[in-house]
Amino acid sequence: MKLSKIKQTIKNNLPKSLFESLQSLKYAGKKIPDYEIYRSFLKNRRGLEIGGPSTLFKTMLPIYQVIESLDGVNFADSTVWEGSIQTGRTFNYIKDKKGFQFISDATNLDQIKSSTYDFLLSSNCLEHIANALKAIEEWKRVIKDNGFILLVLPNKESNFDHNRPVTTFEHLLDDYNSEITEHDLTHLDEILALHDLSMDPPAGNLEEFRLRSLNNFNNRTLHHHVFDIPLMTKMLEYSEFEIIKTGITETDFLALGLKR
C-alpha cells in the first residue's frame, strides 16, 4: 500500500476529537444485552439523531449498520463534541454514509415537518437540555405514528454526577410548564457542590468549571438533570409513548418507546 493511502486510512479511522477517543475506549469490545431487539425495531427505517453521531450506536448498540438512512441535529456549528460542522448533507454517521445535518436547538425543530421520520435516536444528550419534556414533545412531533424513540442517558454511578440526586419528574414537569429556556442555570449551585471534578478532567479546577458553566448557553456542557429508568419511563409515558423495552448497563440507561 502506498504511503499516501496508509496516511488516509489512518486519518479515516482516527476519532475526530478527544471526546470521541474516550467514548471509543468506553464502549470498546462490549455489546448491550439484547441489542438485537433494539435493532430489529429500527432496521431498514429512516431516522433522525439528536446530538450525534454517537460512538455507542456504532459499537455497543450497532444501529447505524442496519438502518436505511439517518439525519442529524446539533445546536451549533461548533461544539465540544463534534468540532466544526455545516448545514447540509454532511452528517457522516458511519463510513461513507451521510445524512442531512440540521443546526438547531433540540427543543425547536421547526426546520423539520411533523411525522417525517420512522424513528429518533438520542444518546447522552437529553441531560444537556434544560427543558427535557419540551424536547421530548418536539422529538415526538417529527416521528411518524407507530414510529420509535430510542433514548440513551448516562448512568450517574459511572460518571461525575454520582454524588447528585436523581431529578424528580415533578421538577421536569415544572420546567415544562414554566417554559424554561436553555439559558437556565437553576441547578448550577448543586452542580458546583456535587460535580466530581476528578472524573471530569476537561472541566479543569473548580473556578474554571464555574466559569465554563456560566457560559453554558454557548457550550451546553452542563448536565441539567440526572436520570434513571423510572424517570425515563415516566417522562416518555407522559408524552404518550408506549414503553417497548428498557435496559441498564454500567454506563447507560436505555429506553425504547413507540409513538401511538
Protein backbone atom coordinates (compact mmCIF):
# COMPACT_ATOMS: atom_id res chain seq x y z
CA MET A 1 0.00 0.00 0.00
CA LYS A 2 1.32 3.46 -0.91
CA LEU A 3 2.27 5.81 1.91
CA SER A 4 -0.48 8.30 0.91
CA LYS A 5 -3.12 5.58 1.17
CA ILE A 6 -1.77 4.45 4.54
CA LYS A 7 -1.98 8.03 5.84
CA GLN A 8 -5.54 8.39 4.53
CA THR A 9 -6.58 5.08 6.11
CA ILE A 10 -5.19 6.20 9.48
CA LYS A 11 -6.93 9.57 9.17
CA ASN A 12 -10.27 7.97 8.27
CA ASN A 13 -10.17 5.72 11.32
CA LEU A 14 -8.96 8.19 13.91
CA PRO A 15 -11.65 9.70 16.14
CA LYS A 16 -12.40 13.36 15.39
CA SER A 17 -11.83 14.53 18.95
CA LEU A 18 -10.50 13.59 22.36
CA PHE A 19 -14.13 13.13 23.40
CA GLU A 20 -14.69 10.54 20.68
CA SER A 21 -11.43 8.82 21.64
CA LEU A 22 -12.66 8.48 25.21
CA GLN A 23 -16.05 7.27 24.03
CA SER A 24 -14.41 4.65 21.83
CA LEU A 25 -12.49 3.32 24.83
CA LYS A 26 -15.63 3.44 26.98
CA TYR A 27 -17.60 1.25 24.59
CA ALA A 28 -14.83 -0.92 23.15
CA GLY A 29 -15.45 -4.66 22.97
CA LYS A 30 -18.90 -4.59 24.56
CA LYS A 31 -22.47 -5.13 23.42
CA ILE A 32 -25.63 -4.07 25.22
CA PRO A 33 -27.67 -7.07 26.41
CA ASP A 34 -30.42 -7.91 23.89
CA TYR A 35 -29.05 -5.31 21.46
CA GLU A 36 -30.58 -7.23 18.55
CA ILE A 37 -34.06 -6.48 19.92
CA TYR A 38 -33.47 -2.72 19.69
CA ARG A 39 -32.01 -3.12 16.20
CA SER A 40 -34.96 -5.15 14.98
CA PHE A 41 -37.39 -2.27 15.51
CA LEU A 42 -35.24 0.24 13.59
CA LYS A 43 -33.84 -1.94 10.81
CA ASN A 44 -34.29 -0.55 7.26
CA ARG A 45 -36.00 2.61 8.59
CA ARG A 46 -35.31 6.34 8.17
CA GLY A 47 -34.32 8.24 11.28
CA LEU A 48 -33.11 11.41 12.96
CA GLU A 49 -30.45 11.65 15.65
CA ILE A 50 -30.24 14.46 18.18
CA GLY A 51 -26.67 15.30 19.20
CA GLY A 52 -24.86 12.64 17.21
CA PRO A 53 -23.20 10.85 15.65
CA SER A 54 -22.67 8.62 18.68
CA THR A 55 -19.97 6.04 19.23
CA LEU A 56 -22.48 3.90 21.14
CA PHE A 57 -24.62 3.40 18.00
CA LYS A 58 -21.57 2.07 16.16
CA THR A 59 -20.36 -0.29 18.88
CA MET A 60 -22.36 -1.39 21.94
CA LEU A 61 -25.68 -0.86 20.18
CA PRO A 62 -24.85 -1.03 16.46
CA ILE A 63 -27.87 0.73 14.98
CA TYR A 64 -26.11 2.60 12.17
CA GLN A 65 -25.21 -0.61 10.36
CA VAL A 66 -28.82 -1.73 9.79
CA ILE A 67 -30.86 1.44 9.21
CA GLU A 68 -31.82 2.87 5.81
CA SER A 69 -30.73 6.46 6.48
CA LEU A 70 -30.10 8.99 9.23
CA ASP A 71 -30.14 12.77 9.52
CA GLY A 72 -28.66 14.70 12.43
CA VAL A 73 -29.36 17.71 14.65
CA ASN A 74 -26.87 19.71 16.67
CA PHE A 75 -27.36 23.00 18.47
CA ALA A 76 -24.48 24.96 16.87
CA ASP A 77 -21.99 24.85 14.01
CA SER A 78 -19.16 24.34 16.52
CA THR A 79 -19.43 22.06 19.55
CA VAL A 80 -17.18 20.44 22.14
CA TRP A 81 -18.14 17.01 20.83
CA GLU A 82 -18.15 17.36 17.05
CA GLY A 83 -15.88 20.33 16.36
CA SER A 84 -16.97 22.40 13.34
CA ILE A 85 -19.99 21.18 11.39
CA GLN A 86 -22.02 22.58 8.49
CA THR A 87 -25.66 22.53 7.48
CA GLY A 88 -26.25 20.26 4.53
CA ARG A 89 -25.59 16.67 3.60
CA THR A 90 -22.61 16.46 5.94
CA PHE A 91 -23.88 14.22 8.75
CA ASN A 92 -21.38 11.36 8.43
CA TYR A 93 -22.69 8.75 10.84
CA ILE A 94 -20.76 5.69 9.67
CA LYS A 95 -18.14 5.00 6.97
CA ASP A 96 -19.28 6.70 3.75
CA LYS A 97 -22.94 7.10 4.78
CA LYS A 98 -24.16 10.66 5.15
CA GLY A 99 -27.45 12.31 6.05
CA PHE A 100 -28.60 15.91 6.33
CA GLN A 101 -27.10 17.97 9.15
CA PHE A 102 -29.51 20.41 10.81
CA ILE A 103 -28.21 23.21 13.05
CA SER A 104 -31.00 23.71 15.56
CA ASP A 105 -31.83 23.66 19.25
CA ALA A 106 -33.20 20.27 20.21
CA THR A 107 -36.36 21.88 21.62
CA ASN A 108 -37.18 23.62 18.34
CA LEU A 109 -37.03 21.51 15.19
CA ASP A 110 -39.10 23.89 13.09
CA GLN A 111 -36.96 23.12 10.02
CA ILE A 112 -38.48 19.62 10.03
CA LYS A 113 -42.08 18.80 9.12
CA SER A 114 -44.22 16.79 11.51
CA SER A 115 -44.30 13.00 11.10
CA THR A 116 -41.18 12.92 8.91
CA TYR A 117 -39.13 10.10 10.44
CA ASP A 118 -39.66 6.43 11.32
CA PHE A 119 -37.53 6.79 14.44
CA LEU A 120 -35.46 9.19 16.53
CA LEU A 121 -32.18 8.42 18.35
CA SER A 122 -30.53 10.33 21.16
CA SER A 123 -27.54 9.20 23.20
CA ASN A 124 -26.13 11.11 26.19
CA CYS A 125 -27.77 14.33 25.01
CA LEU A 126 -31.02 14.99 26.89
CA GLU A 127 -29.16 15.63 30.14
CA HIS A 128 -27.62 18.68 28.43
CA ILE A 129 -31.07 20.15 27.69
CA ALA A 130 -32.68 22.41 30.30
CA ASN A 131 -36.29 21.66 29.34
CA ALA A 132 -36.32 17.88 28.90
CA LEU A 133 -40.07 17.42 28.44
CA LYS A 134 -40.23 20.18 25.83
CA ALA A 135 -37.50 18.37 23.92
CA ILE A 136 -39.33 15.04 24.09
CA GLU A 137 -42.57 16.65 22.87
CA GLU A 138 -40.74 18.21 19.92
CA TRP A 139 -38.98 14.94 19.11
CA LYS A 140 -42.32 13.17 19.19
CA ARG A 141 -43.73 15.66 16.68
CA VAL A 142 -41.23 14.75 13.95
CA ILE A 143 -41.75 10.98 14.41
CA LYS A 144 -44.46 9.21 12.41
CA ASP A 145 -47.34 7.44 14.15
CA ASN A 146 -46.14 3.98 15.18
CA GLY A 147 -42.58 5.26 14.97
CA PHE A 148 -39.94 4.85 17.66
CA ILE A 149 -37.77 6.84 20.02
CA LEU A 150 -34.56 5.30 21.38
CA LEU A 151 -33.28 7.29 24.32
CA VAL A 152 -29.90 6.62 25.99
CA LEU A 153 -28.90 8.55 29.10
CA PRO A 154 -25.83 8.29 31.36
CA ASN A 155 -25.87 6.07 34.42
CA LYS A 156 -24.74 8.53 37.09
CA GLU A 157 -22.87 5.85 39.04
CA SER A 158 -20.25 5.71 36.27
CA ASN A 159 -19.59 9.44 35.86
CA PHE A 160 -19.10 12.80 37.56
CA ASP A 161 -22.80 13.00 38.55
CA HIS A 162 -22.60 10.12 41.01
CA ASN A 163 -22.97 12.44 44.04
CA ARG A 164 -26.09 14.14 42.68
CA PRO A 165 -29.67 13.00 43.34
CA VAL A 166 -31.89 11.77 40.52
CA THR A 167 -34.14 14.58 39.31
CA THR A 168 -37.84 14.25 40.14
CA PHE A 169 -40.47 14.07 37.43
CA GLU A 170 -42.29 16.91 39.17
CA HIS A 171 -39.27 19.12 38.60
CA LEU A 172 -39.20 18.26 34.88
CA LEU A 173 -42.92 19.00 34.66
CA ASP A 174 -42.47 22.34 36.41
CA ASP A 175 -39.70 23.25 33.95
CA TYR A 176 -42.04 22.38 31.08
CA ASN A 177 -45.00 24.35 32.42
CA SER A 178 -42.73 27.30 33.25
CA GLU A 179 -41.30 27.23 29.70
CA ILE A 180 -37.71 27.06 30.93
CA THR A 181 -35.20 28.00 28.21
CA GLU A 182 -31.64 26.89 27.52
CA HIS A 183 -30.35 29.94 29.41
CA ASP A 184 -31.49 28.29 32.65
CA LEU A 185 -28.90 27.71 35.40
CA THR A 186 -31.26 26.52 38.14
CA HIS A 187 -29.04 23.56 39.05
CA LEU A 188 -25.72 25.37 38.97
CA ASP A 189 -25.25 25.56 42.76
CA GLU A 190 -25.99 21.84 43.11
CA ILE A 191 -23.65 21.01 40.24
CA LEU A 192 -20.78 23.09 41.61
CA ALA A 193 -21.18 21.46 45.02
CA LEU A 194 -21.54 17.84 43.88
CA HIS A 195 -19.83 17.52 40.49
CA ASP A 196 -16.85 15.13 40.83
CA LEU A 197 -14.11 17.08 39.07
CA SER A 198 -11.70 14.16 39.45
CA MET A 199 -13.84 12.31 36.89
CA ASP A 200 -14.05 15.29 34.50
CA PRO A 201 -10.50 16.41 33.59
CA PRO A 202 -11.59 18.73 30.72
CA ALA A 203 -13.55 20.82 33.26
CA GLY A 204 -10.35 21.98 34.96
CA ASN A 205 -10.38 23.23 38.54
CA LEU A 206 -13.48 24.46 40.36
CA GLU A 207 -13.12 28.07 39.23
CA GLU A 208 -12.52 27.07 35.60
CA PHE A 209 -15.53 24.77 35.79
CA ARG A 210 -17.66 27.56 37.28
CA LEU A 211 -16.71 29.97 34.51
CA ARG A 212 -17.38 27.38 31.82
CA SER A 213 -20.74 26.61 33.42
CA LEU A 214 -21.77 30.26 33.45
CA ASN A 215 -21.28 30.21 29.69
CA ASN A 216 -23.37 27.07 29.31
CA PHE A 217 -25.77 28.55 26.73
CA ASN A 218 -22.86 28.66 24.30
CA ASN A 219 -21.13 25.39 25.19
CA ARG A 220 -24.02 23.19 26.53
CA THR A 221 -21.68 21.10 28.68
CA LEU A 222 -23.76 21.09 31.88
CA HIS A 223 -25.83 18.10 32.91
CA HIS A 224 -29.01 19.90 33.97
CA HIS A 225 -30.76 16.77 35.19
CA VAL A 226 -29.88 13.28 36.41
CA PHE A 227 -31.93 10.34 35.14
CA ASP A 228 -32.71 6.72 35.93
CA ILE A 229 -35.03 4.16 34.32
CA PRO A 230 -38.15 5.08 36.37
CA LEU A 231 -37.74 8.75 35.48
CA MET A 232 -37.16 7.97 31.79
CA THR A 233 -40.22 5.73 31.78
CA LYS A 234 -42.44 8.33 33.43
CA MET A 235 -41.20 11.03 31.09
CA LEU A 236 -41.88 9.00 27.94
CA GLU A 237 -45.26 7.82 29.18
CA TYR A 238 -46.24 11.43 29.96
CA SER A 239 -45.54 12.19 26.29
CA GLU A 240 -47.76 9.21 25.36
CA PHE A 241 -45.07 6.81 24.23
CA GLU A 242 -45.61 3.12 24.91
CA ILE A 243 -42.50 1.64 26.52
CA ILE A 244 -41.27 -1.28 24.42
CA LYS A 245 -38.01 -2.07 26.21
CA THR A 246 -35.64 -0.64 28.80
CA GLY A 247 -32.07 -1.60 29.63
CA ILE A 248 -29.27 -0.84 32.05
CA THR A 249 -25.53 -1.05 31.53
CA GLU A 250 -22.61 0.03 33.68
CA THR A 251 -22.52 3.35 31.82
CA ASP A 252 -26.01 3.98 30.44
CA PHE A 253 -29.77 3.67 30.78
CA LEU A 254 -31.82 2.85 27.67
CA ALA A 255 -35.49 3.20 26.81
CA LEU A 256 -37.25 2.34 23.54
CA GLY A 257 -40.69 3.88 23.08
CA LEU A 258 -43.44 3.59 20.47
CA LYS A 259 -45.45 6.62 19.34
CA ARG A 260 -49.12 5.67 19.29
